[in-house]
Amino acid sequence: SQFTLLGDASRGNRPGFQRAAPGEEAEPL
């Protein structure tokens, strides 16, 4: 599992991970 694949660095140099599902949603999937 790699939530950082959904990182968005289009608005600077520090990626945001708002698109990534929280753990309790992501782990079952």
PDB file of all heavy atoms in Angstrom:
ATOM      1  N   SER A   1       0.847  -1.183   0.000  1.00  0.00           N
ATOM      2  CA  SER A   1       0.000   0.000   0.000  1.00  0.00           C
ATOM      3  C   SER A   1       0.890   1.243   0.000  1.00  0.00           C
ATOM      4  O   SER A   1       1.850   1.325   0.760  1.00  0.00           O
ATOM      5  CB  SER A   1      -0.892  -0.006   1.234  1.00  0.00           C
ATOM      6  OG  SER A   1      -1.683   1.161   1.262  1.00  0.00           O
ATOM      7  N   GLN A   2       0.546   2.222  -0.858  1.00  0.00           N
ATOM      8  CA  GLN A   2       1.422   3.390  -1.041  1.00  0.00           C
ATOM      9  C   GLN A   2       0.569   4.640  -1.232  1.00  0.00           C
ATOM     10  O   GLN A   2       0.289   5.039  -2.358  1.00  0.00           O
ATOM     11  CB  GLN A   2       2.309   3.146  -2.269  1.00  0.00           C
ATOM     12  CG  GLN A   2       3.253   4.245  -2.608  1.00  0.00           C
ATOM     13  CD  GLN A   2       4.575   4.085  -1.913  1.00  0.00           C
ATOM     14  OE1 GLN A   2       4.963   3.000  -1.563  1.00  0.00           O
ATOM     15  NE2 GLN A   2       5.266   5.172  -1.732  1.00  0.00           N
ATOM     16  N   PHE A   3       0.144   5.273  -0.139  1.00  0.00           N
ATOM     17  CA  PHE A   3      -0.704   6.458  -0.256  1.00  0.00           C
ATOM     18  C   PHE A   3       0.001   7.599  -0.980  1.00  0.00           C
ATOM     19  O   PHE A   3      -0.644   8.452  -1.579  1.00  0.00           O
ATOM     20  CB  PHE A   3      -1.218   6.907   1.119  1.00  0.00           C
ATOM     21  CG  PHE A   3      -0.213   7.662   1.946  1.00  0.00           C
ATOM     22  CD1 PHE A   3      -0.151   9.037   1.895  1.00  0.00           C
ATOM     23  CD2 PHE A   3       0.671   6.982   2.782  1.00  0.00           C
ATOM     24  CE1 PHE A   3       0.768   9.745   2.662  1.00  0.00           C
ATOM     25  CE2 PHE A   3       1.578   7.665   3.554  1.00  0.00           C
ATOM     26  CZ  PHE A   3       1.637   9.047   3.494  1.00  0.00           C
ATOM     27  N   THR A   4       1.329   7.621  -0.980  1.00  0.00           N
ATOM     28  CA  THR A   4       2.055   8.721  -1.613  1.00  0.00           C
ATOM     29  C   THR A   4       1.916   8.723  -3.143  1.00  0.00           C
ATOM     30  O   THR A   4       2.225   9.728  -3.771  1.00  0.00           O
ATOM     31  CB  THR A   4       3.547   8.714  -1.230  1.00  0.00           C
ATOM     32  OG1 THR A   4       4.129   7.487  -1.632  1.00  0.00           O
ATOM     33  CG2 THR A   4       3.722   8.911   0.267  1.00  0.00           C
ATOM     34  N   LEU A   5       1.416   7.635  -3.728  1.00  0.00           N
ATOM     35  CA  LEU A   5       1.139   7.645  -5.173  1.00  0.00           C
ATOM     36  C   LEU A   5       0.094   8.687  -5.532  1.00  0.00           C
ATOM     37  O   LEU A   5       0.014   9.132  -6.663  1.00  0.00           O
ATOM     38  CB  LEU A   5       0.617   6.273  -5.639  1.00  0.00           C
ATOM     39  CG  LEU A   5       1.616   5.172  -5.806  1.00  0.00           C
ATOM     40  CD1 LEU A   5       0.909   3.890  -6.232  1.00  0.00           C
ATOM     41  CD2 LEU A   5       2.666   5.537  -6.826  1.00  0.00           C
ATOM     42  N   LEU A   6      -0.715   9.064  -4.547  1.00  0.00           N
ATOM     43  CA  LEU A   6      -1.782  10.025  -4.787  1.00  0.00           C
ATOM     44  C   LEU A   6      -1.378  11.442  -4.385  1.00  0.00           C
ATOM     45  O   LEU A   6      -2.215  12.337  -4.320  1.00  0.00           O
ATOM     46  CB  LEU A   6      -3.036   9.582  -4.041  1.00  0.00           C
ATOM     47  CG  LEU A   6      -3.555   8.226  -4.527  1.00  0.00           C
ATOM     48  CD1 LEU A   6      -4.490   7.613  -3.518  1.00  0.00           C
ATOM     49  CD2 LEU A   6      -4.196   8.343  -5.880  1.00  0.00           C
ATOM     50  N   GLY A   7      -0.085  11.643  -4.129  1.00  0.00           N
ATOM     51  CA  GLY A   7       0.410  12.966  -3.759  1.00  0.00           C
ATOM     52  C   GLY A   7       0.299  13.959  -4.905  1.00  0.00           C
ATOM     53  O   GLY A   7       0.452  13.612  -6.068  1.00  0.00           O
ATOM     54  N   ASP A   8       0.030  15.211  -4.557  1.00  0.00           N
ATOM     55  CA  ASP A   8      -0.091  16.284  -5.540  1.00  0.00           C
ATOM     56  C   ASP A   8       0.918  17.378  -5.195  1.00  0.00           C
ATOM     57  O   ASP A   8       0.800  18.033  -4.155  1.00  0.00           O
ATOM     58  CB  ASP A   8      -1.507  16.843  -5.523  1.00  0.00           C
ATOM     59  CG  ASP A   8      -1.717  17.985  -6.500  1.00  0.00           C
ATOM     60  OD1 ASP A   8      -0.796  18.288  -7.301  1.00  0.00           O
ATOM     61  OD2 ASP A   8      -2.801  18.591  -6.464  1.00  0.00           O
ATOM     62  N   ALA A   9       1.914  17.547  -6.061  1.00  0.00           N
ATOM     63  CA  ALA A   9       2.931  18.579  -5.851  1.00  0.00           C
ATOM     64  C   ALA A   9       2.815  19.686  -6.896  1.00  0.00           C
ATOM     65  O   ALA A   9       3.777  20.387  -7.182  1.00  0.00           O
ATOM     66  CB  ALA A   9       4.321  17.958  -5.888  1.00  0.00           C
ATOM     67  N   SER A  10       1.632  19.864  -7.462  1.00  0.00           N
ATOM     68  CA  SER A  10       1.451  20.860  -8.523  1.00  0.00           C
ATOM     69  C   SER A  10       1.488  22.294  -8.009  1.00  0.00           C
ATOM     70  O   SER A  10       1.709  23.218  -8.785  1.00  0.00           O
ATOM     71  CB  SER A  10       0.130  20.613  -9.261  1.00  0.00           C
ATOM     72  OG  SER A  10      -0.968  20.778  -8.383  1.00  0.00           O
ATOM     73  N   ARG A  11       1.318  22.508  -6.709  1.00  0.00           N
ATOM     74  CA  ARG A  11       1.269  23.859  -6.161  1.00  0.00           C
ATOM     75  C   ARG A  11       2.418  24.137  -5.210  1.00  0.00           C
ATOM     76  O   ARG A  11       2.261  24.820  -4.218  1.00  0.00           O
ATOM     77  CB  ARG A  11      -0.060  24.064  -5.458  1.00  0.00           C
ATOM     78  CG  ARG A  11      -1.238  23.832  -6.399  1.00  0.00           C
ATOM     79  CD  ARG A  11      -2.540  23.991  -5.722  1.00  0.00           C
ATOM     80  NE  ARG A  11      -2.846  25.413  -5.650  1.00  0.00           N
ATOM     81  CZ  ARG A  11      -3.689  25.945  -4.814  1.00  0.00           C
ATOM     82  NH1 ARG A  11      -4.309  25.191  -3.939  1.00  0.00           N
ATOM     83  NH2 ARG A  11      -3.929  27.235  -4.822  1.00  0.00           N
ATOM     84  N   GLY A  12       3.574  23.580  -5.497  1.00  0.00           N
ATOM     85  CA  GLY A  12       4.722  23.815  -4.636  1.00  0.00           C
ATOM     86  C   GLY A  12       5.581  22.578  -4.566  1.00  0.00           C
ATOM     87  O   GLY A  12       5.442  21.653  -5.358  1.00  0.00           O
ATOM     88  N   ASN A  13       6.478  22.575  -3.589  1.00  0.00           N
ATOM     89  CA  ASN A  13       7.425  21.475  -3.462  1.00  0.00           C
ATOM     90  C   ASN A  13       7.052  20.464  -2.380  1.00  0.00           C
ATOM     91  O   ASN A  13       7.714  19.450  -2.242  1.00  0.00           O
ATOM     92  CB  ASN A  13       8.821  22.027  -3.184  1.00  0.00           C
ATOM     93  CG  ASN A  13       9.325  22.832  -4.352  1.00  0.00           C
ATOM     94  OD1 ASN A  13       9.049  22.501  -5.501  1.00  0.00           O
ATOM     95  ND2 ASN A  13      10.045  23.899  -4.079  1.00  0.00           N
ATOM     96  N   ARG A  14       6.040  20.744  -1.612  1.00  0.00           N
ATOM     97  CA  ARG A  14       5.595  19.811  -0.579  1.00  0.00           C
ATOM     98  C   ARG A  14       4.280  19.192  -1.041  1.00  0.00           C
ATOM     99  O   ARG A  14       3.267  19.879  -1.157  1.00  0.00           O
ATOM    100  CB  ARG A  14       5.387  20.529   0.741  1.00  0.00           C
ATOM    101  CG  ARG A  14       4.990  19.573   1.849  1.00  0.00           C
ATOM    102  CD  ARG A  14       5.054  20.267   3.214  1.00  0.00           C
ATOM    103  NE  ARG A  14       4.794  19.295   4.240  1.00  0.00           N
ATOM    104  CZ  ARG A  14       3.652  19.217   4.898  1.00  0.00           C
ATOM    105  NH1 ARG A  14       2.667  20.052   4.646  1.00  0.00           N
ATOM    106  NH2 ARG A  14       3.500  18.293   5.825  1.00  0.00           N
ATOM    107  N   PRO A  15       4.278  17.884  -1.329  1.00  0.00           N
ATOM    108  CA  PRO A  15       3.053  17.262  -1.827  1.00  0.00           C
ATOM    109  C   PRO A  15       1.935  17.260  -0.792  1.00  0.00           C
ATOM    110  O   PRO A  15       2.180  17.156   0.405  1.00  0.00           O
ATOM    111  CB  PRO A  15       3.464  15.829  -2.150  1.00  0.00           C
ATOM    112  CG  PRO A  15       4.919  15.729  -1.914  1.00  0.00           C
ATOM    113  CD  PRO A  15       5.386  16.953  -1.230  1.00  0.00           C
ATOM    114  N   GLY A  16       0.716  17.372  -1.302  1.00  0.00           N
ATOM    115  CA  GLY A  16      -0.476  17.209  -0.469  1.00  0.00           C
ATOM    116  C   GLY A  16      -1.072  15.839  -0.748  1.00  0.00           C
ATOM    117  O   GLY A  16      -1.005  15.336  -1.871  1.00  0.00           O
ATOM    118  N   PHE A  17      -1.668  15.240   0.258  1.00  0.00           N
ATOM    119  CA  PHE A  17      -2.191  13.879   0.123  1.00  0.00           C
ATOM    120  C   PHE A  17      -3.688  13.810   0.382  1.00  0.00           C
ATOM    121  O   PHE A  17      -4.215  12.789   0.803  1.00  0.00           O
ATOM    122  CB  PHE A  17      -1.426  12.942   1.074  1.00  0.00           C
ATOM    123  CG  PHE A  17       0.043  12.915   0.780  1.00  0.00           C
ATOM    124  CD1 PHE A  17       0.932  13.589   1.606  1.00  0.00           C
ATOM    125  CD2 PHE A  17       0.529  12.256  -0.330  1.00  0.00           C
ATOM    126  CE1 PHE A  17       2.295  13.589   1.329  1.00  0.00           C
ATOM    127  CE2 PHE A  17       1.886  12.248  -0.613  1.00  0.00           C
ATOM    128  CZ  PHE A  17       2.771  12.917   0.214  1.00  0.00           C
ATOM    129  N   GLN A  18      -4.405  14.904   0.080  1.00  0.00           N
ATOM    130  CA  GLN A  18      -5.840  14.966   0.330  1.00  0.00           C
ATOM    131  C   GLN A  18      -6.617  13.929  -0.474  1.00  0.00           C
ATOM    132  O   GLN A  18      -7.686  13.497  -0.058  1.00  0.00           O
ATOM    133  CB  GLN A  18      -6.393  16.361   0.012  1.00  0.00           C
ATOM    134  CG  GLN A  18      -5.864  17.448   0.913  1.00  0.00           C
ATOM    135  CD  GLN A  18      -4.495  17.979   0.498  1.00  0.00           C
ATOM    136  OE1 GLN A  18      -3.920  17.550  -0.502  1.00  0.00           O
ATOM    137  NE2 GLN A  18      -3.967  18.905   1.273  1.00  0.00           N
ATOM    138  N   ARG A  19      -6.106  13.507  -1.625  1.00  0.00           N
ATOM    139  CA  ARG A  19      -6.803  12.522  -2.468  1.00  0.00           C
ATOM    140  C   ARG A  19      -6.715  11.109  -1.900  1.00  0.00           C
ATOM    141  O   ARG A  19      -7.521  10.245  -2.233  1.00  0.00           O
ATOM    142  CB  ARG A  19      -6.230  12.532  -3.884  1.00  0.00           C
ATOM    143  CG  ARG A  19      -6.569  13.782  -4.660  1.00  0.00           C
ATOM    144  CD  ARG A  19      -6.086  13.762  -6.106  1.00  0.00           C
ATOM    145  NE  ARG A  19      -6.298  12.487  -6.750  1.00  0.00           N
ATOM    146  CZ  ARG A  19      -5.380  11.833  -7.461  1.00  0.00           C
ATOM    147  NH1 ARG A  19      -4.182  12.354  -7.620  1.00  0.00           N
ATOM    148  NH2 ARG A  19      -5.654  10.686  -8.033  1.00  0.00           N
ATOM    149  N   ALA A  20      -5.718  10.842  -1.055  1.00  0.00           N
ATOM    150  CA  ALA A  20      -5.523   9.499  -0.504  1.00  0.00           C
ATOM    151  C   ALA A  20      -6.602   9.180   0.528  1.00  0.00           C
ATOM    152  O   ALA A  20      -6.983  10.029   1.331  1.00  0.00           O
ATOM    153  CB  ALA A  20      -4.146   9.390   0.138  1.00  0.00           C
ATOM    154  N   ALA A  21      -7.093   7.954   0.473  1.00  0.00           N
ATOM    155  CA  ALA A  21      -8.097   7.514   1.440  1.00  0.00           C
ATOM    156  C   ALA A  21      -7.458   7.361   2.817  1.00  0.00           C
ATOM    157  O   ALA A  21      -6.297   6.946   2.930  1.00  0.00           O
ATOM    158  CB  ALA A  21      -8.693   6.181   0.991  1.00  0.00           C
ATOM    159  N   PRO A  22      -8.200   7.668   3.871  1.00  0.00           N
ATOM    160  CA  PRO A  22      -7.676   7.416   5.224  1.00  0.00           C
ATOM    161  C   PRO A  22      -7.525   5.909   5.438  1.00  0.00           C
ATOM    162  O   PRO A  22      -8.168   5.097   4.763  1.00  0.00           O
ATOM    163  CB  PRO A  22      -8.737   8.022   6.144  1.00  0.00           C
ATOM    164  CG  PRO A  22      -9.976   8.118   5.324  1.00  0.00           C
ATOM    165  CD  PRO A  22      -9.537   8.236   3.891  1.00  0.00           C
ATOM    166  N   GLY A  23      -6.682   5.528   6.367  1.00  0.00           N
ATOM    167  CA  GLY A  23      -6.357   4.127   6.608  1.00  0.00           C
ATOM    168  C   GLY A  23      -7.560   3.220   6.788  1.00  0.00           C
ATOM    169  O   GLY A  23      -7.604   2.122   6.228  1.00  0.00           O
ATOM    170  N   GLU A  24      -8.549   3.673   7.540  1.00  0.00           N
ATOM    171  CA  GLU A  24      -9.709   2.818   7.799  1.00  0.00           C
ATOM    172  C   GLU A  24     -10.539   2.557   6.541  1.00  0.00           C
ATOM    173  O   GLU A  24     -11.247   1.565   6.450  1.00  0.00           O
ATOM    174  CB  GLU A  24     -10.588   3.373   8.930  1.00  0.00           C
ATOM    175  CG  GLU A  24     -11.183   4.739   8.679  1.00  0.00           C
ATOM    176  CD  GLU A  24     -10.277   5.914   9.061  1.00  0.00           C
ATOM    177  OE1 GLU A  24      -9.123   5.696   9.463  1.00  0.00           O
ATOM    178  OE2 GLU A  24     -10.742   7.059   8.937  1.00  0.00           O
ATOM    179  N   GLU A  25     -10.429   3.440   5.554  1.00  0.00           N
ATOM    180  CA  GLU A  25     -11.100   3.240   4.261  1.00  0.00           C
ATOM    181  C   GLU A  25     -10.197   2.461   3.301  1.00  0.00           C
ATOM    182  O   GLU A  25     -10.663   1.615   2.538  1.00  0.00           O
ATOM    183  CB  GLU A  25     -11.445   4.610   3.652  1.00  0.00           C
ATOM    184  CG  GLU A  25     -12.194   4.566   2.351  1.00  0.00           C
ATOM    185  CD  GLU A  25     -12.468   5.967   1.790  1.00  0.00           C
ATOM    186  OE1 GLU A  25     -12.525   6.948   2.565  1.00  0.00           O
ATOM    187  OE2 GLU A  25     -12.611   6.068   0.564  1.00  0.00           O
ATOM    188  N   ALA A  26      -8.910   2.740   3.345  1.00  0.00           N
ATOM    189  CA  ALA A  26      -7.971   2.144   2.397  1.00  0.00           C
ATOM    190  C   ALA A  26      -7.633   0.692   2.698  1.00  0.00           C
ATOM    191  O   ALA A  26      -7.520  -0.122   1.774  1.00  0.00           O
ATOM    192  CB  ALA A  26      -6.688   2.975   2.352  1.00  0.00           C
ATOM    193  N   GLU A  27      -7.468   0.346   3.968  1.00  0.00           N
ATOM    194  CA  GLU A  27      -6.991  -1.004   4.295  1.00  0.00           C
ATOM    195  C   GLU A  27      -7.912  -2.119   3.794  1.00  0.00           C
ATOM    196  O   GLU A  27      -7.418  -3.100   3.213  1.00  0.00           O
ATOM    197  CB  GLU A  27      -6.738  -1.144   5.790  1.00  0.00           C
ATOM    198  CG  GLU A  27      -6.057  -2.457   6.132  1.00  0.00           C
ATOM    199  CD  GLU A  27      -5.591  -2.538   7.572  1.00  0.00           C
ATOM    200  OE1 GLU A  27      -5.998  -1.700   8.403  1.00  0.00           O
ATOM    201  OE2 GLU A  27      -4.797  -3.451   7.868  1.00  0.00           O
ATOM    202  N   PRO A  28      -9.243  -2.027   3.963  1.00  0.00           N
ATOM    203  CA  PRO A  28     -10.084  -3.103   3.433  1.00  0.00           C
ATOM    204  C   PRO A  28      -9.992  -3.235   1.907  1.00  0.00           C
ATOM    205  O   PRO A  28     -10.051  -4.350   1.373  1.00  0.00           O
ATOM    206  CB  PRO A  28     -11.503  -2.718   3.857  1.00  0.00           C
ATOM    207  CG  PRO A  28     -11.349  -1.719   4.940  1.00  0.00           C
ATOM    208  CD  PRO A  28     -10.026  -1.051   4.719  1.00  0.00           C
ATOM    209  N   LEU A  29      -9.819  -2.118   1.205  1.00  0.00           N
ATOM    210  CA  LEU A  29      -9.700  -2.170  -0.257  1.00  0.00           C
ATOM    211  C   LEU A  29      -8.342  -2.731  -0.674  1.00  0.00           C
ATOM    212  O   LEU A  29      -8.244  -3.463  -1.661  1.00  0.00           O
ATOM    213  CB  LEU A  29      -9.943  -0.792  -0.860  1.00  0.00           C
ATOM    214  CG  LEU A  29     -11.370  -0.269  -0.682  1.00  0.00           C
ATOM    215  CD1 LEU A  29     -11.488   1.165  -1.190  1.00  0.00           C
ATOM    216  CD2 LEU A  29     -12.377  -1.172  -1.378  1.00  0.00           C
TER     217      LEU A  29
END
